[in-house]
Structure formats: structure tokens, C-alpha cells
Amino acid sequence: MKRKAYLFVFPATLVVAMLAVLSTIIFADANLSFAASSKTKSTAVAKMSAVDHAEARIKQLQGALKITDDQQVLWSNLTKVMRENAKDMDVLTKDRAEKTKTMNAVERMKFHSEITEIRLNQQKRLIPTFEALYTSMSDEQKKSTDAIFMTGRHGKQKFN
């Protein structure tokens, strides 16, 4: 009986973990997460808009993934979704910036829940376009992409 529960819980946990990793890598620091409010982040990073961050990440990934001319349409579809997601996040940040200063604990929890739902919906829009690009990749590109998404860097492990 416990084995059956494990067989269900493990795949579900794996899916959640994969979404978290993908979200962290592509949309790291959209200025709305609980972690983004931490004082340990640099001021420059904390003030970077989601759109600016997405543009920097697009440029970084395009070089690292070695997008070919044949993959350009798929890459454009992916970057379009990334840009739309970033614009949505910036609008939410702007709309809620002042309101969060006066929120009580319950309102803050609800706000973070709303952000989590928005990010999940963004992931749902992003995954099909990313999957189409990934499917078109050569084995070498896939290996590189897997390393980037596993470590968050270009094949280098994180040790923090």
C-alpha cells in the first residue's frame, strides 16, 4: 500500500520540481517572489524589471543554446512567450507595488498565492513552445540545454 502511494507522490513531486527549476532559470527574480524581497539580493538585481531580465536571459540562452537558422521560428515562438510573461509580471509588479506596503499577513499570503498561480499559468504557456524547440535540437544542443537547466549555468555546477 505504501509503495503505491510512493509511485504516485514521486512523479508528482518530480513534475513540481521540474517546473520550479524551469521557472527559476527562465524567470529568476521577477521582483515578486518571497525571495525577491530578501535584503541579500543586490539593489541592481532587485530593480531590474522582468522585461529587462527576460531580454538578458534571451540573449544569454540564444548564444548558449546555439540556435540554428532552422530553429529560428521555434526560438521566436519561445521568446515571444517569455516576453509576454515578463510584461505581465511587470504590470503586476507595478499595480501591486504600493498596495503591498499596507497589506496585512493574510493579504500578503493571498498575494503570494496569486503570484504562484500566475507563474504556474506562465509555465503552462511556456512549456509547449520550449518543448517544440527542444525536440528540434541536435543531441549536442540537448546535452548543453540539459546541463544549463540542471545547473542554471552553462554546464557549471552550482555549489551554493
N, C-alpha and C. Protein backbone atom coordinates (compact mmCIF):
# COMPACT_ATOMS: atom_id res chain seq x y z
N MET A 1 0.82 -1.20 0.00
CA MET A 1 0.00 0.00 0.00
C MET A 1 0.86 1.27 0.00
N LYS A 2 1.91 1.28 0.86
CA LYS A 2 2.79 2.43 0.89
C LYS A 2 3.54 2.58 -0.42
N ARG A 3 3.86 1.47 -1.05
CA ARG A 3 4.58 1.50 -2.33
C ARG A 3 3.72 2.19 -3.39
N LYS A 4 2.41 1.93 -3.41
CA LYS A 4 1.53 2.56 -4.38
C LYS A 4 1.50 4.08 -4.18
N ALA A 5 1.47 4.52 -2.94
CA ALA A 5 1.47 5.95 -2.65
C ALA A 5 2.77 6.58 -3.13
N TYR A 6 3.87 5.91 -2.93
CA TYR A 6 5.17 6.40 -3.37
C TYR A 6 5.20 6.54 -4.89
N LEU A 7 4.61 5.59 -5.59
CA LEU A 7 4.61 5.63 -7.05
C LEU A 7 3.82 6.82 -7.58
N PHE A 8 2.85 7.30 -6.83
CA PHE A 8 2.09 8.46 -7.23
C PHE A 8 2.78 9.75 -6.79
N VAL A 9 3.25 9.80 -5.56
CA VAL A 9 3.83 11.00 -4.99
C VAL A 9 5.14 11.37 -5.68
N PHE A 10 5.98 10.40 -5.98
CA PHE A 10 7.27 10.69 -6.58
C PHE A 10 7.13 11.39 -7.94
N PRO A 11 6.33 10.87 -8.88
CA PRO A 11 6.19 11.58 -10.16
C PRO A 11 5.60 12.98 -10.00
N ALA A 12 4.63 13.13 -9.11
CA ALA A 12 4.03 14.44 -8.90
C ALA A 12 5.07 15.40 -8.34
N THR A 13 5.88 14.95 -7.41
CA THR A 13 6.93 15.77 -6.85
C THR A 13 7.95 16.14 -7.91
N LEU A 14 8.27 15.21 -8.77
CA LEU A 14 9.22 15.45 -9.84
C LEU A 14 8.72 16.52 -10.80
N VAL A 15 7.45 16.48 -11.14
CA VAL A 15 6.85 17.48 -12.04
C VAL A 15 6.93 18.86 -11.39
N VAL A 16 6.58 18.95 -10.12
CA VAL A 16 6.63 20.23 -9.42
C VAL A 16 8.06 20.75 -9.36
N ALA A 17 9.01 19.86 -9.09
CA ALA A 17 10.41 20.26 -9.03
C ALA A 17 10.90 20.75 -10.39
N MET A 18 10.49 20.06 -11.46
CA MET A 18 10.91 20.47 -12.80
C MET A 18 10.35 21.85 -13.15
N LEU A 19 9.09 22.09 -12.80
CA LEU A 19 8.50 23.40 -13.05
C LEU A 19 9.21 24.48 -12.26
N ALA A 20 9.56 24.16 -11.02
CA ALA A 20 10.28 25.14 -10.19
C ALA A 20 11.64 25.47 -10.78
N VAL A 21 12.35 24.46 -11.24
CA VAL A 21 13.67 24.69 -11.84
C VAL A 21 13.53 25.52 -13.11
N LEU A 22 12.60 25.16 -13.97
CA LEU A 22 12.39 25.90 -15.21
C LEU A 22 12.01 27.34 -14.92
N SER A 23 11.12 27.53 -13.98
CA SER A 23 10.70 28.87 -13.61
C SER A 23 11.86 29.67 -13.06
N THR A 24 12.65 29.06 -12.21
CA THR A 24 13.79 29.76 -11.62
C THR A 24 14.80 30.17 -12.67
N ILE A 25 15.06 29.28 -13.59
CA ILE A 25 16.08 29.58 -14.60
C ILE A 25 15.61 30.64 -15.57
N ILE A 26 14.40 30.56 -16.03
CA ILE A 26 13.93 31.50 -17.04
C ILE A 26 13.42 32.80 -16.45
N PHE A 27 12.75 32.72 -15.33
CA PHE A 27 12.14 33.91 -14.77
C PHE A 27 12.71 34.30 -13.42
N ALA A 28 13.93 33.95 -13.17
CA ALA A 28 14.55 34.26 -11.88
C ALA A 28 14.43 35.75 -11.60
N ASP A 29 14.00 36.05 -10.38
CA ASP A 29 13.89 37.42 -9.89
C ASP A 29 12.98 38.30 -10.72
N ALA A 30 11.72 37.97 -10.76
CA ALA A 30 10.73 38.83 -11.40
C ALA A 30 10.21 39.86 -10.42
N ASN A 31 10.91 40.04 -9.30
CA ASN A 31 10.62 41.05 -8.28
C ASN A 31 9.34 40.79 -7.49
N LEU A 32 8.76 39.61 -7.60
CA LEU A 32 7.52 39.37 -6.89
C LEU A 32 7.59 38.19 -5.94
N SER A 33 8.57 37.38 -6.03
CA SER A 33 8.64 36.20 -5.18
C SER A 33 9.00 36.61 -3.77
N PHE A 34 8.72 35.74 -2.82
CA PHE A 34 9.06 35.97 -1.43
C PHE A 34 10.56 36.18 -1.31
N ALA A 35 11.33 35.41 -2.06
CA ALA A 35 12.78 35.52 -2.02
C ALA A 35 13.25 36.85 -2.58
N ALA A 36 12.53 37.43 -3.50
CA ALA A 36 12.95 38.69 -4.10
C ALA A 36 12.92 39.82 -3.10
N SER A 37 12.16 39.67 -2.03
CA SER A 37 12.10 40.71 -1.03
C SER A 37 13.27 40.62 -0.05
N SER A 38 14.08 39.60 -0.19
CA SER A 38 15.22 39.41 0.68
C SER A 38 16.22 40.54 0.49
N LYS A 39 16.82 40.99 1.58
CA LYS A 39 17.79 42.08 1.51
C LYS A 39 19.14 41.59 1.01
N THR A 40 19.31 40.29 0.80
CA THR A 40 20.59 39.76 0.35
C THR A 40 20.80 39.96 -1.14
N LYS A 41 19.76 40.25 -1.88
CA LYS A 41 19.89 40.48 -3.32
C LYS A 41 20.43 41.88 -3.54
N SER A 42 21.22 42.02 -4.60
CA SER A 42 21.80 43.33 -4.89
C SER A 42 20.70 44.29 -5.32
N THR A 43 20.95 45.57 -5.11
CA THR A 43 19.99 46.59 -5.49
C THR A 43 19.76 46.60 -6.99
N ALA A 44 20.82 46.40 -7.76
CA ALA A 44 20.68 46.40 -9.22
C ALA A 44 19.77 45.29 -9.68
N VAL A 45 19.91 44.11 -9.10
CA VAL A 45 19.06 42.97 -9.49
C VAL A 45 17.63 43.22 -9.05
N ALA A 46 17.45 43.74 -7.83
CA ALA A 46 16.11 43.96 -7.30
C ALA A 46 15.34 45.00 -8.12
N LYS A 47 16.05 45.95 -8.75
CA LYS A 47 15.39 46.99 -9.51
C LYS A 47 15.22 46.62 -10.98
N MET A 48 15.80 45.51 -11.42
CA MET A 48 15.69 45.11 -12.81
C MET A 48 14.25 44.65 -13.08
N SER A 49 13.67 45.18 -14.13
CA SER A 49 12.31 44.77 -14.47
C SER A 49 12.33 43.34 -15.01
N ALA A 50 11.19 42.70 -14.98
CA ALA A 50 11.07 41.36 -15.52
C ALA A 50 11.35 41.37 -17.02
N VAL A 51 10.96 42.44 -17.70
CA VAL A 51 11.20 42.56 -19.14
C VAL A 51 12.70 42.64 -19.41
N ASP A 52 13.41 43.47 -18.63
CA ASP A 52 14.86 43.58 -18.81
C ASP A 52 15.55 42.25 -18.51
N HIS A 53 15.10 41.60 -17.46
CA HIS A 53 15.68 40.30 -17.11
C HIS A 53 15.43 39.27 -18.21
N ALA A 54 14.21 39.25 -18.73
CA ALA A 54 13.87 38.30 -19.80
C ALA A 54 14.72 38.57 -21.04
N GLU A 55 14.92 39.83 -21.38
CA GLU A 55 15.74 40.17 -22.54
C GLU A 55 17.18 39.71 -22.35
N ALA A 56 17.71 39.92 -21.16
CA ALA A 56 19.07 39.47 -20.87
C ALA A 56 19.16 37.95 -20.94
N ARG A 57 18.15 37.29 -20.41
CA ARG A 57 18.14 35.82 -20.41
C ARG A 57 17.99 35.28 -21.83
N ILE A 58 17.18 35.92 -22.65
CA ILE A 58 17.01 35.50 -24.04
C ILE A 58 18.34 35.59 -24.77
N LYS A 59 19.03 36.70 -24.60
CA LYS A 59 20.33 36.88 -25.25
C LYS A 59 21.32 35.83 -24.77
N GLN A 60 21.34 35.59 -23.48
CA GLN A 60 22.25 34.59 -22.90
C GLN A 60 21.94 33.19 -23.42
N LEU A 61 20.68 32.84 -23.42
CA LEU A 61 20.29 31.49 -23.85
C LEU A 61 20.51 31.28 -25.34
N GLN A 62 20.25 32.30 -26.14
CA GLN A 62 20.41 32.13 -27.58
C GLN A 62 21.84 31.76 -27.92
N GLY A 63 22.79 32.41 -27.30
CA GLY A 63 24.19 32.08 -27.53
C GLY A 63 24.55 30.71 -26.97
N ALA A 64 24.08 30.42 -25.78
CA ALA A 64 24.43 29.17 -25.12
C ALA A 64 23.79 27.96 -25.80
N LEU A 65 22.58 28.13 -26.32
CA LEU A 65 21.87 27.00 -26.94
C LEU A 65 22.25 26.82 -28.40
N LYS A 66 22.97 27.77 -28.95
CA LYS A 66 23.43 27.70 -30.35
C LYS A 66 22.26 27.44 -31.30
N ILE A 67 21.31 28.35 -31.24
CA ILE A 67 20.11 28.26 -32.07
C ILE A 67 20.51 28.36 -33.54
N THR A 68 20.06 27.41 -34.33
CA THR A 68 20.37 27.39 -35.76
C THR A 68 19.32 28.19 -36.54
N ASP A 69 19.62 28.45 -37.80
CA ASP A 69 18.66 29.15 -38.66
C ASP A 69 17.35 28.37 -38.79
N ASP A 70 17.45 27.05 -38.85
CA ASP A 70 16.26 26.21 -38.96
C ASP A 70 15.39 26.27 -37.71
N GLN A 71 15.99 26.58 -36.58
CA GLN A 71 15.27 26.63 -35.31
C GLN A 71 14.77 28.04 -34.99
N GLN A 72 15.06 28.99 -35.82
CA GLN A 72 14.77 30.39 -35.53
C GLN A 72 13.28 30.65 -35.29
N VAL A 73 12.40 30.01 -36.06
CA VAL A 73 10.96 30.21 -35.87
C VAL A 73 10.53 29.68 -34.50
N LEU A 74 11.02 28.51 -34.14
CA LEU A 74 10.69 27.93 -32.83
C LEU A 74 11.26 28.79 -31.71
N TRP A 75 12.47 29.29 -31.90
CA TRP A 75 13.09 30.18 -30.92
C TRP A 75 12.26 31.47 -30.78
N SER A 76 11.81 32.02 -31.88
CA SER A 76 10.99 33.23 -31.85
C SER A 76 9.68 32.99 -31.10
N ASN A 77 9.07 31.83 -31.29
CA ASN A 77 7.84 31.49 -30.56
C ASN A 77 8.12 31.46 -29.05
N LEU A 78 9.24 30.86 -28.67
CA LEU A 78 9.60 30.77 -27.25
C LEU A 78 9.86 32.16 -26.68
N THR A 79 10.64 32.96 -27.38
CA THR A 79 10.96 34.29 -26.86
C THR A 79 9.73 35.19 -26.80
N LYS A 80 8.80 34.99 -27.70
CA LYS A 80 7.55 35.76 -27.66
C LYS A 80 6.81 35.47 -26.34
N VAL A 81 6.71 34.20 -25.98
CA VAL A 81 6.04 33.83 -24.73
C VAL A 81 6.82 34.36 -23.53
N MET A 82 8.15 34.26 -23.59
CA MET A 82 8.96 34.78 -22.49
C MET A 82 8.73 36.28 -22.31
N ARG A 83 8.69 37.00 -23.40
CA ARG A 83 8.47 38.46 -23.34
C ARG A 83 7.07 38.80 -22.83
N GLU A 84 6.07 38.06 -23.30
CA GLU A 84 4.69 38.30 -22.82
C GLU A 84 4.60 38.03 -21.32
N ASN A 85 5.20 36.93 -20.88
CA ASN A 85 5.19 36.60 -19.45
C ASN A 85 5.86 37.71 -18.63
N ALA A 86 6.98 38.20 -19.13
CA ALA A 86 7.71 39.26 -18.42
C ALA A 86 6.89 40.55 -18.36
N LYS A 87 6.23 40.90 -19.45
CA LYS A 87 5.39 42.10 -19.46
C LYS A 87 4.26 41.96 -18.45
N ASP A 88 3.63 40.79 -18.42
CA ASP A 88 2.56 40.54 -17.46
C ASP A 88 3.07 40.69 -16.02
N MET A 89 4.26 40.19 -15.78
CA MET A 89 4.82 40.25 -14.42
C MET A 89 5.15 41.70 -14.06
N ASP A 90 5.66 42.48 -15.01
CA ASP A 90 5.94 43.89 -14.73
C ASP A 90 4.67 44.67 -14.44
N VAL A 91 3.60 44.38 -15.18
CA VAL A 91 2.32 45.05 -14.92
C VAL A 91 1.84 44.71 -13.51
N LEU A 92 1.93 43.44 -13.15
CA LEU A 92 1.51 43.04 -11.81
C LEU A 92 2.36 43.71 -10.74
N THR A 93 3.65 43.79 -10.98
CA THR A 93 4.56 44.44 -10.03
C THR A 93 4.18 45.90 -9.84
N LYS A 94 3.96 46.58 -10.94
CA LYS A 94 3.60 48.00 -10.87
C LYS A 94 2.27 48.21 -10.17
N ASP A 95 1.28 47.41 -10.53
CA ASP A 95 -0.06 47.55 -9.95
C ASP A 95 -0.07 47.29 -8.44
N ARG A 96 0.78 46.37 -8.02
CA ARG A 96 0.74 45.97 -6.62
C ARG A 96 1.82 46.60 -5.74
N ALA A 97 2.75 47.36 -6.31
CA ALA A 97 3.87 47.90 -5.54
C ALA A 97 3.43 48.70 -4.32
N GLU A 98 2.53 49.60 -4.51
CA GLU A 98 2.07 50.43 -3.40
C GLU A 98 1.15 49.66 -2.46
N LYS A 99 0.33 48.80 -3.01
CA LYS A 99 -0.64 48.07 -2.20
C LYS A 99 0.05 47.14 -1.20
N THR A 100 1.18 46.56 -1.58
CA THR A 100 1.84 45.61 -0.69
C THR A 100 2.37 46.26 0.58
N LYS A 101 2.60 47.57 0.54
CA LYS A 101 3.11 48.26 1.72
C LYS A 101 2.10 48.28 2.85
N THR A 102 0.82 48.18 2.52
CA THR A 102 -0.21 48.25 3.54
C THR A 102 -0.92 46.92 3.79
N MET A 103 -0.47 45.87 3.14
CA MET A 103 -1.13 44.56 3.29
C MET A 103 -0.85 43.97 4.66
N ASN A 104 -1.85 43.29 5.19
CA ASN A 104 -1.63 42.53 6.42
C ASN A 104 -1.11 41.14 6.04
N ALA A 105 -0.84 40.31 7.02
CA ALA A 105 -0.23 38.99 6.78
C ALA A 105 -1.11 38.11 5.89
N VAL A 106 -2.41 38.11 6.11
CA VAL A 106 -3.32 37.29 5.31
C VAL A 106 -3.35 37.78 3.87
N GLU A 107 -3.42 39.09 3.70
CA GLU A 107 -3.42 39.66 2.35
C GLU A 107 -2.11 39.34 1.62
N ARG A 108 -1.00 39.38 2.34
CA ARG A 108 0.30 39.03 1.73
C ARG A 108 0.32 37.57 1.29
N MET A 109 -0.21 36.69 2.13
CA MET A 109 -0.26 35.27 1.76
C MET A 109 -1.11 35.08 0.51
N LYS A 110 -2.24 35.74 0.44
CA LYS A 110 -3.11 35.65 -0.73
C LYS A 110 -2.40 36.22 -1.96
N PHE A 111 -1.68 37.31 -1.78
CA PHE A 111 -0.94 37.92 -2.87
C PHE A 111 0.11 36.95 -3.42
N HIS A 112 0.86 36.32 -2.53
CA HIS A 112 1.88 35.36 -2.97
C HIS A 112 1.24 34.13 -3.62
N SER A 113 0.07 33.76 -3.15
CA SER A 113 -0.66 32.66 -3.78
C SER A 113 -1.06 33.04 -5.20
N GLU A 114 -1.53 34.28 -5.37
CA GLU A 114 -1.91 34.77 -6.70
C GLU A 114 -0.70 34.77 -7.64
N ILE A 115 0.45 35.21 -7.14
CA ILE A 115 1.67 35.23 -7.94
C ILE A 115 2.05 33.81 -8.35
N THR A 116 1.93 32.89 -7.41
CA THR A 116 2.25 31.49 -7.71
C THR A 116 1.35 30.96 -8.82
N GLU A 117 0.06 31.28 -8.77
CA GLU A 117 -0.87 30.85 -9.82
C GLU A 117 -0.51 31.48 -11.16
N ILE A 118 -0.15 32.75 -11.14
CA ILE A 118 0.23 33.43 -12.38
C ILE A 118 1.47 32.77 -12.97
N ARG A 119 2.45 32.50 -12.14
CA ARG A 119 3.68 31.85 -12.62
C ARG A 119 3.40 30.45 -13.16
N LEU A 120 2.51 29.73 -12.51
CA LEU A 120 2.15 28.41 -13.00
C LEU A 120 1.49 28.51 -14.37
N ASN A 121 0.60 29.46 -14.53
CA ASN A 121 -0.04 29.67 -15.84
C ASN A 121 0.98 30.08 -16.90
N GLN A 122 1.96 30.89 -16.49
CA GLN A 122 3.01 31.27 -17.42
C GLN A 122 3.83 30.04 -17.85
N GLN A 123 4.11 29.17 -16.91
CA GLN A 123 4.84 27.94 -17.23
C GLN A 123 4.03 27.08 -18.19
N LYS A 124 2.73 27.02 -17.98
CA LYS A 124 1.87 26.23 -18.87
C LYS A 124 1.90 26.78 -20.29
N ARG A 125 2.05 28.09 -20.43
CA ARG A 125 2.16 28.69 -21.77
C ARG A 125 3.55 28.49 -22.36
N LEU A 126 4.55 28.48 -21.49
CA LEU A 126 5.93 28.40 -21.95
C LEU A 126 6.36 26.99 -22.35
N ILE A 127 5.94 26.00 -21.60
CA ILE A 127 6.42 24.63 -21.81
C ILE A 127 6.19 24.12 -23.23
N PRO A 128 5.02 24.27 -23.83
CA PRO A 128 4.85 23.75 -25.20
C PRO A 128 5.81 24.38 -26.22
N THR A 129 6.06 25.68 -26.08
CA THR A 129 6.99 26.32 -27.02
C THR A 129 8.42 25.88 -26.77
N PHE A 130 8.77 25.70 -25.51
CA PHE A 130 10.11 25.22 -25.18
C PHE A 130 10.28 23.76 -25.65
N GLU A 131 9.26 22.97 -25.44
CA GLU A 131 9.31 21.56 -25.86
C GLU A 131 9.48 21.43 -27.37
N ALA A 132 8.79 22.28 -28.13
CA ALA A 132 8.93 22.24 -29.59
C ALA A 132 10.36 22.58 -30.00
N LEU A 133 10.95 23.59 -29.37
CA LEU A 133 12.33 23.94 -29.66
C LEU A 133 13.27 22.81 -29.26
N TYR A 134 13.08 22.28 -28.07
CA TYR A 134 13.94 21.21 -27.55
C TYR A 134 13.89 19.98 -28.46
N THR A 135 12.72 19.65 -28.93
CA THR A 135 12.55 18.49 -29.82
C THR A 135 13.34 18.67 -31.11
N SER A 136 13.47 19.91 -31.57
CA SER A 136 14.18 20.19 -32.82
C SER A 136 15.70 20.20 -32.66
N MET A 137 16.16 20.15 -31.44
CA MET A 137 17.60 20.29 -31.18
C MET A 137 18.39 19.03 -31.53
N SER A 138 19.65 19.25 -31.87
CA SER A 138 20.57 18.13 -32.08
C SER A 138 20.89 17.52 -30.71
N ASP A 139 21.48 16.35 -30.71
CA ASP A 139 21.85 15.71 -29.45
C ASP A 139 22.82 16.59 -28.65
N GLU A 140 23.73 17.24 -29.34
CA GLU A 140 24.70 18.12 -28.67
C GLU A 140 23.98 19.31 -28.02
N GLN A 141 23.04 19.90 -28.75
CA GLN A 141 22.27 21.02 -28.20
C GLN A 141 21.46 20.57 -26.99
N LYS A 142 20.83 19.40 -27.08
CA LYS A 142 20.05 18.88 -25.96
C LYS A 142 20.92 18.66 -24.74
N LYS A 143 22.10 18.11 -24.95
CA LYS A 143 23.02 17.86 -23.83
C LYS A 143 23.39 19.19 -23.17
N SER A 144 23.70 20.19 -23.96
CA SER A 144 24.04 21.51 -23.44
C SER A 144 22.85 22.13 -22.71
N THR A 145 21.68 22.03 -23.32
CA THR A 145 20.46 22.57 -22.71
C THR A 145 20.15 21.89 -21.40
N ASP A 146 20.29 20.57 -21.37
CA ASP A 146 20.05 19.83 -20.13
C ASP A 146 21.00 20.29 -19.03
N ALA A 147 22.26 20.51 -19.38
CA ALA A 147 23.24 20.98 -18.39
C ALA A 147 22.89 22.37 -17.88
N ILE A 148 22.48 23.26 -18.78
CA ILE A 148 22.11 24.61 -18.38
C ILE A 148 20.91 24.58 -17.44
N PHE A 149 19.91 23.79 -17.77
CA PHE A 149 18.71 23.75 -16.95
C PHE A 149 18.90 22.94 -15.68
N MET A 150 19.91 22.09 -15.63
CA MET A 150 20.20 21.34 -14.41
C MET A 150 20.96 22.21 -13.43
N THR A 151 21.88 22.98 -13.92
CA THR A 151 22.76 23.74 -13.04
C THR A 151 22.41 25.21 -12.96
N GLY A 152 21.70 25.72 -13.96
CA GLY A 152 21.41 27.14 -14.01
C GLY A 152 22.53 27.92 -14.65
N ARG A 153 23.58 27.22 -15.02
CA ARG A 153 24.73 27.85 -15.66
C ARG A 153 25.07 27.06 -16.90
N HIS A 154 26.05 27.48 -17.58
CA HIS A 154 26.43 26.85 -18.84
C HIS A 154 27.30 25.63 -18.58
N GLY A 155 26.70 24.59 -17.96
CA GLY A 155 27.42 23.36 -17.73
C GLY A 155 28.23 23.35 -16.45
N LYS A 156 28.22 24.45 -15.71
CA LYS A 156 28.99 24.51 -14.46
C LYS A 156 28.05 24.26 -13.30
N GLN A 157 28.50 23.45 -12.37
CA GLN A 157 27.66 23.15 -11.22
C GLN A 157 27.64 24.31 -10.24
N LYS A 158 26.51 24.48 -9.60
CA LYS A 158 26.39 25.46 -8.53
C LYS A 158 26.79 24.77 -7.24
N PHE A 159 27.48 25.49 -6.38
CA PHE A 159 27.87 24.93 -5.10
C PHE A 159 27.36 25.78 -3.95
N ASN A 160 26.24 26.46 -4.13
CA ASN A 160 25.70 27.25 -3.03
C ASN A 160 24.31 26.87 -2.72
